[in-house]
């Protein structure tokens, strides 16, 4: 069963034929909201709004451990994250969709592992490739079938938030090799890896990052919502085609 974690602009999945909602209790506290179970193109799926269904949870306060644990407990087999980002690299203009292949983590203070606490053994996960390549290819194939242009690959810089970055910080991220910047990519991806859940992301560029394009002097929030809503229609089409693709053969 496919799980979709929706970020800003995707607090509900209009193409999900809802069957039930379930609030899950976890050892790590409350998830962002109830899991919404249903069908997409007659295929089972579950949706979770990362920031809550009223968009009330800021990025640095999202309980990622509870969210991922709840999805694993629901026996999902794949997790697709949808997240809005600012474009750093040339060509990543508002409205661009990207399936990133790498992450740089600049967050701090977030609960980022399940392997901690008294008496717990030290566990190291391999995170060389933070996104599941098979699921990435599945997203790209679905986008092609949906007739949607999606960029293959990009480096996602995960910052702490909730404030946006300074122009100097964006310049630093660019020197570090980042192509886009967002606030929710970590520790979500690492926790999914710890749980053994294949995880990949669709990044929606909703604005130029600080100091870039029309954000050279300031981010214009009035323009974000229009780009977000138009892009989410495209994302929903891609998700529909992901659900319709036959299971991959081992």
Protein backbone atom coordinates (compact mmCIF):
# COMPACT_ATOMS: atom_id res chain seq x y z
CA UNK A 1 0.00 0.00 0.00
CA UNK A 2 1.30 3.42 -0.99
CA UNK A 3 1.53 6.18 1.62
CA UNK A 4 1.54 9.86 0.67
CA UNK A 5 2.79 12.50 3.08
CA UNK A 6 1.43 15.86 1.99
CA UNK A 7 3.21 19.11 2.77
CA UNK A 8 2.23 22.75 2.29
CA UNK A 9 -0.52 22.98 -0.32
CA UNK A 10 -1.46 19.32 0.01
CA UNK A 11 -3.37 19.01 3.29
CA UNK A 12 -5.89 16.73 1.60
CA UNK A 13 -5.80 14.44 -1.41
CA UNK A 14 -8.78 15.22 -3.64
CA UNK A 15 -8.37 12.06 -5.73
CA UNK A 16 -8.44 9.77 -2.69
CA UNK A 17 -11.76 7.92 -2.32
CA UNK A 18 -11.82 8.04 1.47
CA UNK A 19 -12.92 4.89 3.31
CA UNK A 20 -11.88 5.62 6.89
CA UNK A 21 -9.70 7.74 9.13
CA UNK A 22 -7.67 6.33 11.98
CA UNK A 23 -5.85 8.15 14.76
CA UNK A 24 -2.81 6.08 15.67
CA UNK A 25 -1.17 6.05 19.10
CA UNK A 26 2.60 5.66 18.87
CA UNK A 27 5.45 5.24 21.36
CA UNK A 28 6.68 8.64 20.14
CA UNK A 29 3.58 10.73 20.71
CA UNK A 30 0.84 11.89 18.38
CA UNK A 31 1.28 11.96 14.59
CA UNK A 32 0.40 15.12 12.70
CA UNK A 33 -3.15 13.86 12.30
CA UNK A 34 -5.22 10.78 11.57
CA UNK A 35 -4.22 8.46 8.77
CA UNK A 36 -6.72 8.72 5.92
CA UNK A 37 -7.25 5.37 4.20
CA UNK A 38 -8.91 5.01 0.82
CA UNK A 39 -8.52 4.18 -2.84
CA UNK A 40 -6.74 6.00 -5.66
CA UNK A 41 -7.72 4.55 -9.03
CA UNK A 42 -9.06 1.51 -7.14
CA UNK A 43 -5.71 0.94 -5.45
CA UNK A 44 -5.34 1.15 -1.65
CA UNK A 45 -3.50 4.19 -0.34
CA UNK A 46 -3.11 6.16 2.86
CA UNK A 47 -2.61 9.90 3.23
CA UNK A 48 -1.11 11.94 6.07
CA UNK A 49 -0.94 15.73 6.22
CA UNK A 50 2.54 16.55 7.52
CA UNK A 51 1.54 19.92 8.97
CA UNK A 52 -1.86 18.76 10.20
CA UNK A 53 -5.11 18.96 8.29
CA UNK A 54 -5.48 22.62 9.25
CA UNK A 55 -1.82 23.36 8.43
CA UNK A 56 -1.08 24.29 12.05
CA UNK A 57 2.21 22.44 12.70
CA UNK A 58 5.39 24.33 11.73
CA UNK A 59 8.24 22.40 10.11
CA UNK A 60 10.47 22.26 13.20
CA UNK A 61 7.62 20.87 15.33
CA UNK A 62 6.47 18.05 13.03
CA UNK A 63 6.63 14.77 14.95
CA UNK A 64 8.40 12.83 12.22
CA UNK A 65 9.05 9.81 14.41
CA UNK A 66 5.35 9.41 15.18
CA UNK A 67 4.37 9.98 11.54
CA UNK A 68 6.74 7.37 10.11
CA UNK A 69 6.03 4.89 12.91
CA UNK A 70 2.27 5.23 12.28
CA UNK A 71 2.72 4.55 8.56
CA UNK A 72 4.98 1.55 9.21
CA UNK A 73 2.42 0.24 11.69
CA UNK A 74 -0.23 0.52 8.97
CA UNK A 75 1.86 -1.87 6.85
CA UNK A 76 2.52 0.56 4.01
CA UNK A 77 5.10 -0.63 1.48
CA UNK A 78 6.22 2.70 -0.03
CA UNK A 79 6.19 6.33 1.09
CA UNK A 80 5.99 9.30 -1.29
CA UNK A 81 6.70 12.67 0.28
CA UNK A 82 5.35 15.84 -1.34
CA UNK A 83 7.15 18.99 -0.23
CA UNK A 84 7.34 22.61 -1.34
CA UNK A 85 10.81 24.07 -1.89
CA UNK A 86 12.59 27.19 -2.99
CA UNK A 87 14.64 26.99 -6.17
CA UNK A 88 18.36 27.71 -5.87
CA UNK A 89 19.82 26.24 -9.06
CA UNK A 90 19.32 28.05 -12.35
CA UNK A 91 16.26 26.65 -14.09
CA UNK A 92 14.38 25.73 -10.93
CA UNK A 93 11.68 28.34 -11.37
CA UNK A 94 8.30 28.32 -9.61
CA UNK A 95 6.11 25.52 -10.92
CA UNK A 96 8.99 23.11 -11.51
CA UNK A 97 8.61 19.57 -10.18
CA UNK A 98 11.73 17.66 -9.11
CA UNK A 99 12.38 14.12 -7.91
CA UNK A 100 15.52 14.75 -5.81
CA UNK A 101 18.27 12.18 -5.40
CA UNK A 102 20.31 13.64 -2.51
CA UNK A 103 19.89 15.54 0.76
CA UNK A 104 22.06 17.84 2.85
CA UNK A 105 20.78 18.15 6.40
CA UNK A 106 21.09 21.53 8.14
CA UNK A 107 18.42 20.89 10.76
CA UNK A 108 19.19 20.72 14.47
CA UNK A 109 17.46 19.60 17.65
CA UNK A 110 14.91 17.39 15.91
CA UNK A 111 14.26 13.85 17.11
CA UNK A 112 16.02 12.09 14.26
CA UNK A 113 16.35 8.41 15.18
CA UNK A 114 14.49 5.51 16.75
CA UNK A 115 17.76 4.04 18.01
CA UNK A 116 18.31 5.94 21.23
CA UNK A 117 17.60 5.62 24.93
CA UNK A 118 19.01 3.72 27.91
CA UNK A 119 20.18 0.22 27.07
CA UNK A 120 19.50 0.58 23.36
CA UNK A 121 22.28 -0.69 21.08
CA UNK A 122 24.00 1.74 18.74
CA UNK A 123 22.65 1.33 15.19
CA UNK A 124 24.07 2.97 12.08
CA UNK A 125 22.04 2.99 8.86
CA UNK A 126 23.56 3.34 5.42
CA UNK A 127 22.31 6.66 4.03
CA UNK A 128 24.60 6.99 1.01
CA UNK A 129 21.54 7.13 -1.25
CA UNK A 130 18.85 8.76 0.91
CA UNK A 131 16.01 8.16 -1.54
CA UNK A 132 14.95 4.72 -2.71
CA UNK A 133 16.08 4.51 -6.34
CA UNK A 134 13.37 2.07 -7.39
CA UNK A 135 10.65 4.37 -6.06
CA UNK A 136 12.32 7.39 -7.66
CA UNK A 137 12.20 5.62 -11.03
CA UNK A 138 8.57 4.74 -10.40
CA UNK A 139 7.73 8.40 -9.82
CA UNK A 140 9.57 9.46 -12.96
CA UNK A 141 7.80 6.79 -15.02
CA UNK A 142 4.44 7.86 -13.60
CA UNK A 143 5.17 11.50 -14.46
CA UNK A 144 5.98 10.51 -18.05
CA UNK A 145 2.74 8.54 -18.33
CA UNK A 146 0.84 11.51 -16.90
CA UNK A 147 2.45 13.85 -19.43
CA UNK A 148 4.04 15.94 -16.69
CA UNK A 149 7.54 17.38 -16.97
CA UNK A 150 9.59 16.40 -13.94
CA UNK A 151 13.31 16.91 -13.39
CA UNK A 152 15.27 13.78 -12.54
CA UNK A 153 17.61 14.48 -9.65
CA UNK A 154 18.58 17.36 -7.45
CA UNK A 155 20.10 18.03 -4.05
CA UNK A 156 17.60 19.01 -1.37
CA UNK A 157 18.91 21.22 1.46
CA UNK A 158 16.84 20.69 4.62
CA UNK A 159 16.90 23.78 6.84
CA UNK A 160 15.48 24.27 10.31
CA UNK A 161 12.79 26.88 9.74
CA UNK A 162 10.28 28.18 10.37
CA UNK A 163 11.86 31.35 9.03
CA UNK A 164 13.06 31.47 5.45
CA UNK A 165 16.75 31.80 4.72
CA UNK A 166 18.91 34.87 4.16
CA UNK A 167 20.40 35.51 0.74
CA UNK A 168 23.84 34.78 2.21
CA UNK A 169 22.63 31.45 3.58
CA UNK A 170 21.26 30.50 0.17
CA UNK A 171 24.60 31.40 -1.39
CA UNK A 172 26.26 29.09 1.13
CA UNK A 173 23.84 26.27 0.32
CA UNK A 174 24.60 26.71 -3.35
CA UNK A 175 28.35 26.47 -2.66
CA UNK A 176 27.62 23.27 -0.73
CA UNK A 177 25.97 21.82 -3.83
CA UNK A 178 22.28 22.30 -2.99
CA UNK A 179 19.79 22.81 -5.81
CA UNK A 180 16.68 23.50 -3.71
CA UNK A 181 15.81 24.32 -0.13
CA UNK A 182 13.01 23.10 2.11
CA UNK A 183 12.30 22.50 5.80
CA UNK A 184 10.78 19.02 5.99
CA UNK A 185 13.06 16.61 4.12
CA UNK A 186 14.89 15.57 7.29
CA UNK A 187 14.71 13.64 9.51
CA UNK A 188 11.71 12.16 7.69
CA UNK A 189 13.83 10.42 5.05
CA UNK A 190 16.27 8.95 7.57
CA UNK A 191 13.48 7.68 9.82
CA UNK A 192 11.84 5.95 6.86
CA UNK A 193 15.19 4.27 6.15
CA UNK A 194 15.42 3.14 9.78
CA UNK A 195 11.94 1.62 9.47
CA UNK A 196 12.88 -0.11 6.21
CA UNK A 197 10.32 1.86 4.20
CA UNK A 198 11.20 2.75 0.58
CA UNK A 199 10.94 6.55 0.49
CA UNK A 200 11.14 9.14 -2.28
CA UNK A 201 9.99 12.71 -2.76
CA UNK A 202 8.32 15.03 -5.22
CA UNK A 203 9.65 18.53 -4.62
CA UNK A 204 7.44 21.38 -5.80
CA UNK A 205 9.30 24.62 -6.47
CA UNK A 206 6.97 27.40 -5.29
CA UNK A 207 9.39 30.32 -5.25
CA UNK A 208 12.93 31.37 -6.02
CA UNK A 209 15.10 31.07 -2.92
CA UNK A 210 16.27 34.28 -1.23
CA UNK A 211 18.52 36.37 -3.45
CA UNK A 212 17.46 34.51 -6.61
CA UNK A 213 15.11 35.51 -9.43
CA UNK A 214 12.22 37.68 -8.28
CA UNK A 215 13.25 36.96 -4.67
CA UNK A 216 16.41 39.03 -5.09
CA UNK A 217 15.35 41.41 -2.30
CA UNK A 218 12.40 39.62 -0.67
CA UNK A 219 10.14 36.57 -0.94
CA UNK A 220 6.73 37.58 -2.26
CA UNK A 221 4.32 35.41 -0.31
CA UNK A 222 1.32 36.56 -2.35
CA UNK A 223 2.69 34.68 -5.37
CA UNK A 224 3.31 31.37 -3.59
CA UNK A 225 -0.24 30.14 -3.27
CA UNK A 226 -1.04 30.30 -6.99
CA UNK A 227 2.09 28.33 -7.95
CA UNK A 228 1.39 25.85 -5.15
CA UNK A 229 -2.19 25.10 -6.15
CA UNK A 230 -1.41 24.69 -9.86
CA UNK A 231 1.51 22.40 -9.09
CA UNK A 232 -0.50 20.21 -6.71
CA UNK A 233 -2.96 19.40 -9.50
CA UNK A 234 0.01 18.01 -11.44
CA UNK A 235 1.29 16.13 -8.40
CA UNK A 236 -2.09 14.44 -7.95
CA UNK A 237 -1.99 13.27 -11.58
CA UNK A 238 1.44 11.74 -11.01
CA UNK A 239 0.28 9.97 -7.86
CA UNK A 240 -2.68 8.51 -9.77
CA UNK A 241 -0.30 6.99 -12.30
CA UNK A 242 2.02 5.71 -9.57
CA UNK A 243 -0.93 3.79 -8.13
CA UNK A 244 -1.80 2.32 -11.54
CA UNK A 245 1.69 1.06 -12.33
CA UNK A 246 2.03 -2.72 -11.89
CA UNK A 247 4.21 -3.90 -8.99
CA UNK A 248 7.89 -4.07 -9.89
CA UNK A 249 9.34 -7.53 -10.30
CA UNK A 250 12.26 -8.43 -8.01
